[in-house]
Amino acid sequence: MGALILAVLAVILLRQPREARDPQWQPDQPGLRFDSVILYTRTGCHLCHQALDTLLLHSEFLTAISEVDIDTDPELVERFGKSVPVVVIDGRERFRGQVNVLLLRRLIDATVPHAPPQ
């Protein structure tokens, strides 16, 4: 299982710019960011699987990821058509078609982490 995770990580990272390939990357401040992360997907979408893998690699900085299959809702099918995956973070569409690791990391780094629970 560990080898599979490393292989997936390698494929994802090798498709990204050199700056995004650092598996040891950490934001300036640790902690969770954002109130919601929604990944709009559809069955059989390989880019959707890659997007989820990329988000999961950064899960220590993201709130729980909600996956929504657009094929279960005609309004979502009309809204997104074949343009999936779509990642919406805190109500704002951030990625469509592919999650760019470098841009995701910049977004994480630029966002102030939530205060730890007291």
PDB file of N, CA and C in Angstrom:
ATOM      1  N   MET A   1       0.825  -1.198   0.000  1.00  0.00           N
ATOM      2  CA  MET A   1       0.000   0.000   0.000  1.00  0.00           C
ATOM      3  C   MET A   1       0.866   1.259   0.000  1.00  0.00           C
ATOM      4  N   GLY A   2       1.942   1.244   0.776  1.00  0.00           N
ATOM      5  CA  GLY A   2       2.836   2.394   0.830  1.00  0.00           C
ATOM      6  C   GLY A   2       3.464   2.686  -0.518  1.00  0.00           C
ATOM      7  N   ALA A   3       3.806   1.622  -1.257  1.00  0.00           N
ATOM      8  CA  ALA A   3       4.401   1.801  -2.583  1.00  0.00           C
ATOM      9  C   ALA A   3       3.401   2.430  -3.543  1.00  0.00           C
ATOM     10  N   LEU A   4       2.134   2.043  -3.409  1.00  0.00           N
ATOM     11  CA  LEU A   4       1.097   2.619  -4.263  1.00  0.00           C
ATOM     12  C   LEU A   4       0.936   4.109  -3.994  1.00  0.00           C
ATOM     13  N   ILE A   5       0.941   4.485  -2.740  1.00  0.00           N
ATOM     14  CA  ILE A   5       0.817   5.899  -2.379  1.00  0.00           C
ATOM     15  C   ILE A   5       2.001   6.688  -2.934  1.00  0.00           C
ATOM     16  N   LEU A   6       3.191   6.135  -2.813  1.00  0.00           N
ATOM     17  CA  LEU A   6       4.373   6.812  -3.353  1.00  0.00           C
ATOM     18  C   LEU A   6       4.302   6.939  -4.869  1.00  0.00           C
ATOM     19  N   ALA A   7       3.786   5.913  -5.535  1.00  0.00           N
ATOM     20  CA  ALA A   7       3.658   5.963  -6.995  1.00  0.00           C
ATOM     21  C   ALA A   7       2.665   7.036  -7.414  1.00  0.00           C
ATOM     22  N   VAL A   8       1.541   7.114  -6.712  1.00  0.00           N
ATOM     23  CA  VAL A   8       0.534   8.142  -7.020  1.00  0.00           C
ATOM     24  C   VAL A   8       1.122   9.525  -6.778  1.00  0.00           C
ATOM     25  N   LEU A   9       1.810   9.686  -5.666  1.00  0.00           N
ATOM     26  CA  LEU A   9       2.453  10.963  -5.353  1.00  0.00           C
ATOM     27  C   LEU A   9       3.446  11.346  -6.444  1.00  0.00           C
ATOM     28  N   ALA A  10       4.228  10.388  -6.898  1.00  0.00           N
ATOM     29  CA  ALA A  10       5.222  10.660  -7.939  1.00  0.00           C
ATOM     30  C   ALA A  10       4.556  11.110  -9.231  1.00  0.00           C
ATOM     31  N   VAL A  11       3.486  10.439  -9.625  1.00  0.00           N
ATOM     32  CA  VAL A  11       2.786  10.809 -10.862  1.00  0.00           C
ATOM     33  C   VAL A  11       2.217  12.213 -10.747  1.00  0.00           C
ATOM     34  N   ILE A  12       1.579  12.501  -9.624  1.00  0.00           N
ATOM     35  CA  ILE A  12       0.985  13.828  -9.433  1.00  0.00           C
ATOM     36  C   ILE A  12       2.064  14.900  -9.455  1.00  0.00           C
ATOM     37  N   LEU A  13       3.119  14.680  -8.711  1.00  0.00           N
ATOM     38  CA  LEU A  13       4.152  15.700  -8.601  1.00  0.00           C
ATOM     39  C   LEU A  13       4.941  15.883  -9.890  1.00  0.00           C
ATOM     40  N   LEU A  14       5.171  14.825 -10.631  1.00  0.00           N
ATOM     41  CA  LEU A  14       5.937  14.954 -11.872  1.00  0.00           C
ATOM     42  C   LEU A  14       5.177  15.715 -12.947  1.00  0.00           C
ATOM     43  N   ARG A  15       3.881  15.814 -12.811  1.00  0.00           N
ATOM     44  CA  ARG A  15       3.084  16.567 -13.778  1.00  0.00           C
ATOM     45  C   ARG A  15       3.001  18.043 -13.415  1.00  0.00           C
ATOM     46  N   GLN A  16       3.630  18.426 -12.343  1.00  0.00           N
ATOM     47  CA  GLN A  16       3.557  19.791 -11.852  1.00  0.00           C
ATOM     48  C   GLN A  16       4.881  20.509 -12.101  1.00  0.00           C
ATOM     49  N   PRO A  17       4.870  21.845 -12.019  1.00  0.00           N
ATOM     50  CA  PRO A  17       6.120  22.593 -12.151  1.00  0.00           C
ATOM     51  C   PRO A  17       7.132  22.162 -11.088  1.00  0.00           C
ATOM     52  N   ARG A  18       8.385  22.395 -11.359  1.00  0.00           N
ATOM     53  CA  ARG A  18       9.462  21.967 -10.460  1.00  0.00           C
ATOM     54  C   ARG A  18       9.239  22.448  -9.022  1.00  0.00           C
ATOM     55  N   GLU A  19       8.790  23.688  -8.856  1.00  0.00           N
ATOM     56  CA  GLU A  19       8.565  24.230  -7.507  1.00  0.00           C
ATOM     57  C   GLU A  19       7.542  23.419  -6.726  1.00  0.00           C
ATOM     58  N   ALA A  20       6.603  22.802  -7.430  1.00  0.00           N
ATOM     59  CA  ALA A  20       5.523  22.070  -6.770  1.00  0.00           C
ATOM     60  C   ALA A  20       5.900  20.631  -6.454  1.00  0.00           C
ATOM     61  N   ARG A  21       7.087  20.213  -6.820  1.00  0.00           N
ATOM     62  CA  ARG A  21       7.472  18.809  -6.647  1.00  0.00           C
ATOM     63  C   ARG A  21       8.049  18.484  -5.283  1.00  0.00           C
ATOM     64  N   ASP A  22       8.211  19.460  -4.430  1.00  0.00           N
ATOM     65  CA  ASP A  22       8.827  19.240  -3.128  1.00  0.00           C
ATOM     66  C   ASP A  22       7.845  18.539  -2.192  1.00  0.00           C
ATOM     67  N   PRO A  23       8.047  17.239  -1.915  1.00  0.00           N
ATOM     68  CA  PRO A  23       7.111  16.523  -1.049  1.00  0.00           C
ATOM     69  C   PRO A  23       7.216  16.943   0.419  1.00  0.00           C
ATOM     70  N   GLN A  24       8.250  17.687   0.762  1.00  0.00           N
ATOM     71  CA  GLN A  24       8.441  18.145   2.138  1.00  0.00           C
ATOM     72  C   GLN A  24       7.863  19.540   2.368  1.00  0.00           C
ATOM     73  N   TRP A  25       7.161  20.073   1.371  1.00  0.00           N
ATOM     74  CA  TRP A  25       6.633  21.428   1.467  1.00  0.00           C
ATOM     75  C   TRP A  25       5.750  21.597   2.696  1.00  0.00           C
ATOM     76  N   GLN A  26       5.897  22.724   3.336  1.00  0.00           N
ATOM     77  CA  GLN A  26       5.061  23.115   4.470  1.00  0.00           C
ATOM     78  C   GLN A  26       4.764  24.601   4.329  1.00  0.00           C
ATOM     79  N   PRO A  27       3.553  25.026   4.683  1.00  0.00           N
ATOM     80  CA  PRO A  27       3.272  26.465   4.651  1.00  0.00           C
ATOM     81  C   PRO A  27       4.029  27.170   5.767  1.00  0.00           C
ATOM     82  N   ASP A  28       4.066  28.493   5.684  1.00  0.00           N
ATOM     83  CA  ASP A  28       4.767  29.266   6.711  1.00  0.00           C
ATOM     84  C   ASP A  28       4.181  29.026   8.100  1.00  0.00           C
ATOM     85  N   GLN A  29       2.852  28.837   8.161  1.00  0.00           N
ATOM     86  CA  GLN A  29       2.185  28.593   9.441  1.00  0.00           C
ATOM     87  C   GLN A  29       1.410  27.284   9.355  1.00  0.00           C
ATOM     88  N   PRO A  30       1.562  26.400  10.346  1.00  0.00           N
ATOM     89  CA  PRO A  30       0.801  25.153  10.326  1.00  0.00           C
ATOM     90  C   PRO A  30      -0.669  25.406  10.660  1.00  0.00           C
ATOM     91  N   GLY A  31      -1.497  24.429  10.412  1.00  0.00           N
ATOM     92  CA  GLY A  31      -2.894  24.514  10.817  1.00  0.00           C
ATOM     93  C   GLY A  31      -3.864  24.431   9.657  1.00  0.00           C
ATOM     94  N   LEU A  32      -5.114  24.169  10.022  1.00  0.00           N
ATOM     95  CA  LEU A  32      -6.183  24.053   9.031  1.00  0.00           C
ATOM     96  C   LEU A  32      -6.592  25.416   8.507  1.00  0.00           C
ATOM     97  N   ARG A  33      -6.956  25.418   7.245  1.00  0.00           N
ATOM     98  CA  ARG A  33      -7.466  26.617   6.607  1.00  0.00           C
ATOM     99  C   ARG A  33      -8.813  26.295   5.991  1.00  0.00           C
ATOM    100  N   PHE A  34      -9.575  27.323   5.725  1.00  0.00           N
ATOM    101  CA  PHE A  34     -10.828  27.247   4.978  1.00  0.00           C
ATOM    102  C   PHE A  34     -11.956  26.613   5.802  1.00  0.00           C
ATOM    103  N   ASP A  35     -13.165  27.008   5.453  1.00  0.00           N
ATOM    104  CA  ASP A  35     -14.351  26.468   6.110  1.00  0.00           C
ATOM    105  C   ASP A  35     -14.976  25.341   5.304  1.00  0.00           C
ATOM    106  N   SER A  36     -14.771  25.360   3.986  1.00  0.00           N
ATOM    107  CA  SER A  36     -15.337  24.288   3.165  1.00  0.00           C
ATOM    108  C   SER A  36     -14.472  24.051   1.930  1.00  0.00           C
ATOM    109  N   VAL A  37     -14.348  22.781   1.582  1.00  0.00           N
ATOM    110  CA  VAL A  37     -13.674  22.365   0.353  1.00  0.00           C
ATOM    111  C   VAL A  37     -14.598  21.360  -0.315  1.00  0.00           C
ATOM    112  N   ILE A  38     -15.085  21.711  -1.501  1.00  0.00           N
ATOM    113  CA  ILE A  38     -16.001  20.836  -2.237  1.00  0.00           C
ATOM    114  C   ILE A  38     -15.337  20.446  -3.548  1.00  0.00           C
ATOM    115  N   LEU A  39     -15.330  19.150  -3.816  1.00  0.00           N
ATOM    116  CA  LEU A  39     -14.800  18.622  -5.068  1.00  0.00           C
ATOM    117  C   LEU A  39     -15.972  18.063  -5.867  1.00  0.00           C
ATOM    118  N   TYR A  40     -16.302  18.725  -6.970  1.00  0.00           N
ATOM    119  CA  TYR A  40     -17.364  18.251  -7.854  1.00  0.00           C
ATOM    120  C   TYR A  40     -16.750  17.264  -8.839  1.00  0.00           C
ATOM    121  N   THR A  41     -17.342  16.072  -8.908  1.00  0.00           N
ATOM    122  CA  THR A  41     -16.789  14.980  -9.701  1.00  0.00           C
ATOM    123  C   THR A  41     -17.891  14.315 -10.515  1.00  0.00           C
ATOM    124  N   ARG A  42     -17.495  13.281 -11.235  1.00  0.00           N
ATOM    125  CA  ARG A  42     -18.457  12.373 -11.863  1.00  0.00           C
ATOM    126  C   ARG A  42     -17.789  11.012 -11.984  1.00  0.00           C
ATOM    127  N   THR A  43     -18.598   9.990 -12.109  1.00  0.00           N
ATOM    128  CA  THR A  43     -18.105   8.624 -12.184  1.00  0.00           C
ATOM    129  C   THR A  43     -17.199   8.444 -13.402  1.00  0.00           C
ATOM    130  N   GLY A  44     -16.087   7.751 -13.191  1.00  0.00           N
ATOM    131  CA  GLY A  44     -15.180   7.440 -14.286  1.00  0.00           C
ATOM    132  C   GLY A  44     -14.281   8.583 -14.714  1.00  0.00           C
ATOM    133  N   CYS A  45     -14.187   9.608 -13.920  1.00  0.00           N
ATOM    134  CA  CYS A  45     -13.381  10.789 -14.261  1.00  0.00           C
ATOM    135  C   CYS A  45     -11.986  10.638 -13.657  1.00  0.00           C
ATOM    136  N   HIS A  46     -10.996  10.340 -14.500  1.00  0.00           N
ATOM    137  CA  HIS A  46      -9.634  10.148 -13.975  1.00  0.00           C
ATOM    138  C   HIS A  46      -9.043  11.448 -13.434  1.00  0.00           C
ATOM    139  N   LEU A  47      -9.395  12.582 -14.032  1.00  0.00           N
ATOM    140  CA  LEU A  47      -8.904  13.857 -13.504  1.00  0.00           C
ATOM    141  C   LEU A  47      -9.485  14.137 -12.118  1.00  0.00           C
ATOM    142  N   CYS A  48     -10.703  13.648 -11.890  1.00  0.00           N
ATOM    143  CA  CYS A  48     -11.330  13.814 -10.574  1.00  0.00           C
ATOM    144  C   CYS A  48     -10.553  13.034  -9.519  1.00  0.00           C
ATOM    145  N   HIS A  49     -10.111  11.832  -9.881  1.00  0.00           N
ATOM    146  CA  HIS A  49      -9.311  11.030  -8.953  1.00  0.00           C
ATOM    147  C   HIS A  49      -7.979  11.724  -8.662  1.00  0.00           C
ATOM    148  N   GLN A  50      -7.371  12.290  -9.690  1.00  0.00           N
ATOM    149  CA  GLN A  50      -6.110  13.008  -9.493  1.00  0.00           C
ATOM    150  C   GLN A  50      -6.317  14.237  -8.611  1.00  0.00           C
ATOM    151  N   ALA A  51      -7.420  14.944  -8.829  1.00  0.00           N
ATOM    152  CA  ALA A  51      -7.713  16.129  -8.016  1.00  0.00           C
ATOM    153  C   ALA A  51      -7.886  15.739  -6.554  1.00  0.00           C
ATOM    154  N   LEU A  52      -8.621  14.658  -6.313  1.00  0.00           N
ATOM    155  CA  LEU A  52      -8.815  14.203  -4.937  1.00  0.00           C
ATOM    156  C   LEU A  52      -7.480  13.810  -4.311  1.00  0.00           C
ATOM    157  N   ASP A  53      -6.653  13.093  -5.053  1.00  0.00           N
ATOM    158  CA  ASP A  53      -5.338  12.703  -4.535  1.00  0.00           C
ATOM    159  C   ASP A  53      -4.507  13.932  -4.167  1.00  0.00           C
ATOM    160  N   THR A  54      -4.534  14.943  -5.020  1.00  0.00           N
ATOM    161  CA  THR A  54      -3.775  16.169  -4.756  1.00  0.00           C
ATOM    162  C   THR A  54      -4.295  16.862  -3.503  1.00  0.00           C
ATOM    163  N   LEU A  55      -5.613  16.946  -3.372  1.00  0.00           N
ATOM    164  CA  LEU A  55      -6.186  17.569  -2.175  1.00  0.00           C
ATOM    165  C   LEU A  55      -5.842  16.766  -0.926  1.00  0.00           C
ATOM    166  N   LEU A  56      -5.914  15.444  -1.030  1.00  0.00           N
ATOM    167  CA  LEU A  56      -5.608  14.604   0.131  1.00  0.00           C
ATOM    168  C   LEU A  56      -4.148  14.728   0.560  1.00  0.00           C
ATOM    169  N   LEU A  57      -3.259  14.969  -0.392  1.00  0.00           N
ATOM    170  CA  LEU A  57      -1.851  15.168  -0.044  1.00  0.00           C
ATOM    171  C   LEU A  57      -1.658  16.416   0.821  1.00  0.00           C
ATOM    172  N   HIS A  58      -2.622  17.321   0.765  1.00  0.00           N
ATOM    173  CA  HIS A  58      -2.548  18.570   1.525  1.00  0.00           C
ATOM    174  C   HIS A  58      -3.616  18.618   2.618  1.00  0.00           C
ATOM    175  N   SER A  59      -4.139  17.461   2.993  1.00  0.00           N
ATOM    176  CA  SER A  59      -5.273  17.404   3.919  1.00  0.00           C
ATOM    177  C   SER A  59      -4.960  17.943   5.310  1.00  0.00           C
ATOM    178  N   GLU A  60      -3.698  17.965   5.698  1.00  0.00           N
ATOM    179  CA  GLU A  60      -3.395  18.501   7.030  1.00  0.00           C
ATOM    180  C   GLU A  60      -3.610  20.012   7.100  1.00  0.00           C
ATOM    181  N   PHE A  61      -3.813  20.643   5.943  1.00  0.00           N
ATOM    182  CA  PHE A  61      -4.040  22.090   5.904  1.00  0.00           C
ATOM    183  C   PHE A  61      -5.454  22.442   5.448  1.00  0.00           C
ATOM    184  N   LEU A  62      -6.232  21.433   5.045  1.00  0.00           N
ATOM    185  CA  LEU A  62      -7.573  21.658   4.511  1.00  0.00           C
ATOM    186  C   LEU A  62      -8.626  21.091   5.454  1.00  0.00           C
ATOM    187  N   THR A  63      -9.772  21.736   5.482  1.00  0.00           N
ATOM    188  CA  THR A  63     -10.897  21.168   6.203  1.00  0.00           C
ATOM    189  C   THR A  63     -11.358  19.921   5.442  1.00  0.00           C
ATOM    190  N   ALA A  64     -12.287  19.175   5.977  1.00  0.00           N
ATOM    191  CA  ALA A  64     -12.759  17.947   5.327  1.00  0.00           C
ATOM    192  C   ALA A  64     -13.206  18.238   3.892  1.00  0.00           C
ATOM    193  N   ILE A  65     -12.844  17.348   2.999  1.00  0.00           N
ATOM    194  CA  ILE A  65     -13.166  17.505   1.581  1.00  0.00           C
ATOM    195  C   ILE A  65     -14.499  16.814   1.312  1.00  0.00           C
ATOM    196  N   SER A  66     -15.464  17.565   0.796  1.00  0.00           N
ATOM    197  CA  SER A  66     -16.763  16.998   0.423  1.00  0.00           C
ATOM    198  C   SER A  66     -16.748  16.693  -1.063  1.00  0.00           C
ATOM    199  N   GLU A  67     -17.022  15.442  -1.407  1.00  0.00           N
ATOM    200  CA  GLU A  67     -17.112  15.058  -2.813  1.00  0.00           C
ATOM    201  C   GLU A  67     -18.574  15.064  -3.232  1.00  0.00           C
ATOM    202  N   VAL A  68     -18.859  15.684  -4.365  1.00  0.00           N
ATOM    203  CA  VAL A  68     -20.218  15.736  -4.884  1.00  0.00           C
ATOM    204  C   VAL A  68     -20.198  15.218  -6.316  1.00  0.00           C
ATOM    205  N   ASP A  69     -20.942  14.142  -6.564  1.00  0.00           N
ATOM    206  CA  ASP A  69     -21.073  13.585  -7.913  1.00  0.00           C
ATOM    207  C   ASP A  69     -22.128  14.405  -8.646  1.00  0.00           C
ATOM    208  N   ILE A  70     -21.715  15.145  -9.661  1.00  0.00           N
ATOM    209  CA  ILE A  70     -22.653  16.042 -10.343  1.00  0.00           C
ATOM    210  C   ILE A  70     -23.757  15.284 -11.067  1.00  0.00           C
ATOM    211  N   ASP A  71     -23.519  14.015 -11.400  1.00  0.00           N
ATOM    212  CA  ASP A  71     -24.526  13.240 -12.123  1.00  0.00           C
ATOM    213  C   ASP A  71     -25.756  12.937 -11.278  1.00  0.00           C
ATOM    214  N   THR A  72     -25.695  13.209  -9.977  1.00  0.00           N
ATOM    215  CA  THR A  72     -26.850  12.970  -9.111  1.00  0.00           C
ATOM    216  C   THR A  72     -27.783  14.173  -9.057  1.00  0.00           C
ATOM    217  N   ASP A  73     -27.404  15.271  -9.711  1.00  0.00           N
ATOM    218  CA  ASP A  73     -28.197  16.497  -9.653  1.00  0.00           C
ATOM    219  C   ASP A  73     -28.206  17.166 -11.027  1.00  0.00           C
ATOM    220  N   PRO A  74     -29.365  17.192 -11.704  1.00  0.00           N
ATOM    221  CA  PRO A  74     -29.430  17.794 -13.040  1.00  0.00           C
ATOM    222  C   PRO A  74     -28.953  19.249 -13.089  1.00  0.00           C
ATOM    223  N   GLU A  75     -29.167  19.999 -12.026  1.00  0.00           N
ATOM    224  CA  GLU A  75     -28.702  21.392 -12.001  1.00  0.00           C
ATOM    225  C   GLU A  75     -27.175  21.461 -12.034  1.00  0.00           C
ATOM    226  N   LEU A  76     -26.530  20.534 -11.325  1.00  0.00           N
ATOM    227  CA  LEU A  76     -25.065  20.512 -11.338  1.00  0.00           C
ATOM    228  C   LEU A  76     -24.536  20.063 -12.695  1.00  0.00           C
ATOM    229  N   VAL A  77     -25.232  19.116 -13.325  1.00  0.00           N
ATOM    230  CA  VAL A  77     -24.827  18.680 -14.666  1.00  0.00           C
ATOM    231  C   VAL A  77     -24.907  19.865 -15.624  1.00  0.00           C
ATOM    232  N   GLU A  78     -25.976  20.642 -15.510  1.00  0.00           N
ATOM    233  CA  GLU A  78     -26.117  21.820 -16.374  1.00  0.00           C
ATOM    234  C   GLU A  78     -25.046  22.866 -16.057  1.00  0.00           C
ATOM    235  N   ARG A  79     -24.763  23.033 -14.787  1.00  0.00           N
ATOM    236  CA  ARG A  79     -23.790  24.048 -14.357  1.00  0.00           C
ATOM    237  C   ARG A  79     -22.364  23.706 -14.792  1.00  0.00           C
ATOM    238  N   PHE A  80     -21.969  22.431 -14.608  1.00  0.00           N
ATOM    239  CA  PHE A  80     -20.580  22.054 -14.867  1.00  0.00           C
ATOM    240  C   PHE A  80     -20.372  21.308 -16.177  1.00  0.00           C
ATOM    241  N   GLY A  81     -21.414  20.666 -16.692  1.00  0.00           N
ATOM    242  CA  GLY A  81     -21.266  19.904 -17.928  1.00  0.00           C
ATOM    243  C   GLY A  81     -20.159  18.878 -17.801  1.00  0.00           C
ATOM    244  N   LYS A  82     -19.235  18.900 -18.740  1.00  0.00           N
ATOM    245  CA  LYS A  82     -18.108  17.957 -18.708  1.00  0.00           C
ATOM    246  C   LYS A  82     -16.876  18.571 -18.060  1.00  0.00           C
ATOM    247  N   SER A  83     -17.021  19.760 -17.511  1.00  0.00           N
ATOM    248  CA  SER A  83     -15.880  20.477 -16.929  1.00  0.00           C
ATOM    249  C   SER A  83     -15.654  20.077 -15.476  1.00  0.00           C
ATOM    250  N   VAL A  84     -15.322  18.829 -15.268  1.00  0.00           N
ATOM    251  CA  VAL A  84     -14.979  18.372 -13.929  1.00  0.00           C
ATOM    252  C   VAL A  84     -13.578  17.799 -13.979  1.00  0.00           C
ATOM    253  N   PRO A  85     -12.872  17.799 -12.894  1.00  0.00           N
ATOM    254  CA  PRO A  85     -13.287  18.198 -11.560  1.00  0.00           C
ATOM    255  C   PRO A  85     -13.341  19.715 -11.406  1.00  0.00           C
ATOM    256  N   VAL A  86     -14.121  20.120 -10.428  1.00  0.00           N
ATOM    257  CA  VAL A  86     -14.170  21.521 -10.022  1.00  0.00           C
ATOM    258  C   VAL A  86     -13.976  21.539  -8.513  1.00  0.00           C
ATOM    259  N   VAL A  87     -13.067  22.386  -8.055  1.00  0.00           N
ATOM    260  CA  VAL A  87     -12.818  22.524  -6.621  1.00  0.00           C
ATOM    261  C   VAL A  87     -13.291  23.905  -6.192  1.00  0.00           C
ATOM    262  N   VAL A  88     -14.205  23.905  -5.231  1.00  0.00           N
ATOM    263  CA  VAL A  88     -14.733  25.150  -4.672  1.00  0.00           C
ATOM    264  C   VAL A  88     -14.268  25.220  -3.223  1.00  0.00           C
ATOM    265  N   ILE A  89     -13.564  26.284  -2.905  1.00  0.00           N
ATOM    266  CA  ILE A  89     -13.047  26.479  -1.553  1.00  0.00           C
ATOM    267  C   ILE A  89     -13.680  27.736  -0.979  1.00  0.00           C
ATOM    268  N   ASP A  90     -14.353  27.562   0.140  1.00  0.00           N
ATOM    269  CA  ASP A  90     -15.058  28.664   0.802  1.00  0.00           C
ATOM    270  C   ASP A  90     -15.970  29.417  -0.168  1.00  0.00           C
ATOM    271  N   GLY A  91     -16.696  28.649  -0.988  1.00  0.00           N
ATOM    272  CA  GLY A  91     -17.682  29.234  -1.883  1.00  0.00           C
ATOM    273  C   GLY A  91     -17.135  29.826  -3.169  1.00  0.00           C
ATOM    274  N   ARG A  92     -15.839  29.728  -3.374  1.00  0.00           N
ATOM    275  CA  ARG A  92     -15.227  30.314  -4.570  1.00  0.00           C
ATOM    276  C   ARG A  92     -14.565  29.221  -5.405  1.00  0.00           C
ATOM    277  N   GLU A  93     -14.904  29.191  -6.684  1.00  0.00           N
ATOM    278  CA  GLU A  93     -14.295  28.202  -7.566  1.00  0.00           C
ATOM    279  C   GLU A  93     -12.813  28.513  -7.712  1.00  0.00           C
ATOM    280  N   ARG A  94     -11.990  27.525  -7.355  1.00  0.00           N
ATOM    281  CA  ARG A  94     -10.540  27.724  -7.384  1.00  0.00           C
ATOM    282  C   ARG A  94      -9.853  26.936  -8.494  1.00  0.00           C
ATOM    283  N   PHE A  95     -10.384  25.746  -8.805  1.00  0.00           N
ATOM    284  CA  PHE A  95      -9.764  24.907  -9.831  1.00  0.00           C
ATOM    285  C   PHE A  95     -10.843  24.254 -10.669  1.00  0.00           C
ATOM    286  N   ARG A  96     -10.555  24.123 -11.954  1.00  0.00           N
ATOM    287  CA  ARG A  96     -11.460  23.448 -12.879  1.00  0.00           C
ATOM    288  C   ARG A  96     -10.602  22.627 -13.835  1.00  0.00           C
ATOM    289  N   GLY A  97     -10.897  21.330 -13.910  1.00  0.00           N
ATOM    290  CA  GLY A  97     -10.169  20.458 -14.834  1.00  0.00           C
ATOM    291  C   GLY A  97      -8.944  19.802 -14.236  1.00  0.00           C
ATOM    292  N   GLN A  98      -8.220  20.522 -13.417  1.00  0.00           N
ATOM    293  CA  GLN A  98      -7.021  19.976 -12.774  1.00  0.00           C
ATOM    294  C   GLN A  98      -6.675  20.869 -11.589  1.00  0.00           C
ATOM    295  N   VAL A  99      -6.172  20.259 -10.535  1.00  0.00           N
ATOM    296  CA  VAL A  99      -5.710  21.033  -9.387  1.00  0.00           C
ATOM    297  C   VAL A  99      -4.213  21.249  -9.562  1.00  0.00           C
ATOM    298  N   ASN A 100      -3.826  22.494  -9.686  1.00  0.00           N
ATOM    299  CA  ASN A 100      -2.420  22.845  -9.822  1.00  0.00           C
ATOM    300  C   ASN A 100      -1.810  22.895  -8.420  1.00  0.00           C
ATOM    301  N   VAL A 101      -0.860  22.015  -8.164  1.00  0.00           N
ATOM    302  CA  VAL A 101      -0.262  21.910  -6.834  1.00  0.00           C
ATOM    303  C   VAL A 101       0.370  23.229  -6.403  1.00  0.00           C
ATOM    304  N   LEU A 102       1.074  23.869  -7.295  1.00  0.00           N
ATOM    305  CA  LEU A 102       1.744  25.122  -6.951  1.00  0.00           C
ATOM    306  C   LEU A 102       0.729  26.189  -6.535  1.00  0.00           C
ATOM    307  N   LEU A 103      -0.353  26.312  -7.296  1.00  0.00           N
ATOM    308  CA  LEU A 103      -1.375  27.303  -6.947  1.00  0.00           C
ATOM    309  C   LEU A 103      -2.101  26.933  -5.656  1.00  0.00           C
ATOM    310  N   LEU A 104      -2.340  25.640  -5.441  1.00  0.00           N
ATOM    311  CA  LEU A 104      -2.965  25.205  -4.192  1.00  0.00           C
ATOM    312  C   LEU A 104      -2.070  25.560  -3.010  1.00  0.00           C
ATOM    313  N   ARG A 105      -0.789  25.308  -3.144  1.00  0.00           N
ATOM    314  CA  ARG A 105       0.138  25.625  -2.054  1.00  0.00           C
ATOM    315  C   ARG A 105       0.225  27.124  -1.808  1.00  0.00           C
ATOM    316  N   ARG A 106       0.198  27.899  -2.863  1.00  0.00           N
ATOM    317  CA  ARG A 106       0.206  29.360  -2.687  1.00  0.00           C
ATOM    318  C   ARG A 106      -1.057  29.822  -1.974  1.00  0.00           C
ATOM    319  N   LEU A 107      -2.193  29.221  -2.324  1.00  0.00           N
ATOM    320  CA  LEU A 107      -3.456  29.567  -1.670  1.00  0.00           C
ATOM    321  C   LEU A 107      -3.411  29.192  -0.189  1.00  0.00           C
ATOM    322  N   ILE A 108      -2.904  28.009   0.104  1.00  0.00           N
ATOM    323  CA  ILE A 108      -2.778  27.576   1.499  1.00  0.00           C
ATOM    324  C   ILE A 108      -1.865  28.529   2.260  1.00  0.00           C
ATOM    325  N   ASP A 109      -0.735  28.848   1.669  1.00  0.00           N
ATOM    326  CA  ASP A 109       0.242  29.714   2.334  1.00  0.00           C
ATOM    327  C   ASP A 109      -0.302  31.123   2.559  1.00  0.00           C
ATOM    328  N   ALA A 110      -1.128  31.597   1.648  1.00  0.00           N
ATOM    329  CA  ALA A 110      -1.648  32.962   1.740  1.00  0.00           C
ATOM    330  C   ALA A 110      -2.857  33.081   2.668  1.00  0.00           C
ATOM    331  N   THR A 111      -3.356  31.948   3.151  1.00  0.00           N
ATOM    332  CA  THR A 111      -4.548  31.951   3.995  1.00  0.00           C
ATOM    333  C   THR A 111      -4.150  31.746   5.449  1.00  0.00           C
ATOM    334  N   VAL A 112      -4.674  32.599   6.302  1.00  0.00           N
ATOM    335  CA  VAL A 112      -4.376  32.504   7.736  1.00  0.00           C
ATOM    336  C   VAL A 112      -5.050  31.250   8.290  1.00  0.00           C
ATOM    337  N   PRO A 113      -4.308  30.435   9.036  1.00  0.00           N
ATOM    338  CA  PRO A 113      -4.914  29.230   9.620  1.00  0.00           C
ATOM    339  C   PRO A 113      -5.975  29.593  10.654  1.00  0.00           C
ATOM    340  N   HIS A 114      -6.919  28.660  10.832  1.00  0.00           N
ATOM    341  CA  HIS A 114      -7.923  28.831  11.881  1.00  0.00           C
ATOM    342  C   HIS A 114      -7.238  28.793  13.236  1.00  0.00           C
ATOM    343  N   ALA A 115      -7.797  29.524  14.166  1.00  0.00           N
ATOM    344  CA  ALA A 115      -7.271  29.479  15.533  1.00  0.00           C
ATOM    345  C   ALA A 115      -7.522  28.087  16.105  1.00  0.00           C
ATOM    346  N   PRO A 116      -6.574  27.542  16.845  1.00  0.00           N
ATOM    347  CA  PRO A 116      -6.786  26.217  17.436  1.00  0.00           C
ATOM    348  C   PRO A 116      -7.947  26.256  18.425  1.00  0.00           C
ATOM    349  N   PRO A 117      -8.703  25.146  18.536  1.00  0.00           N
ATOM    350  CA  PRO A 117      -9.823  25.116  19.483  1.00  0.00           C
ATOM    351  C   PRO A 117      -9.327  25.293  20.914  1.00  0.00           C
ATOM    352  N   GLN A 118     -10.140  25.978  21.699  1.00  0.00           N
ATOM    353  CA  GLN A 118      -9.734  26.233  23.097  1.00  0.00           C
ATOM    354  C   GLN A 118     -10.513  25.385  24.050  1.00  0.00           C
TER     355      GLN A 118
END
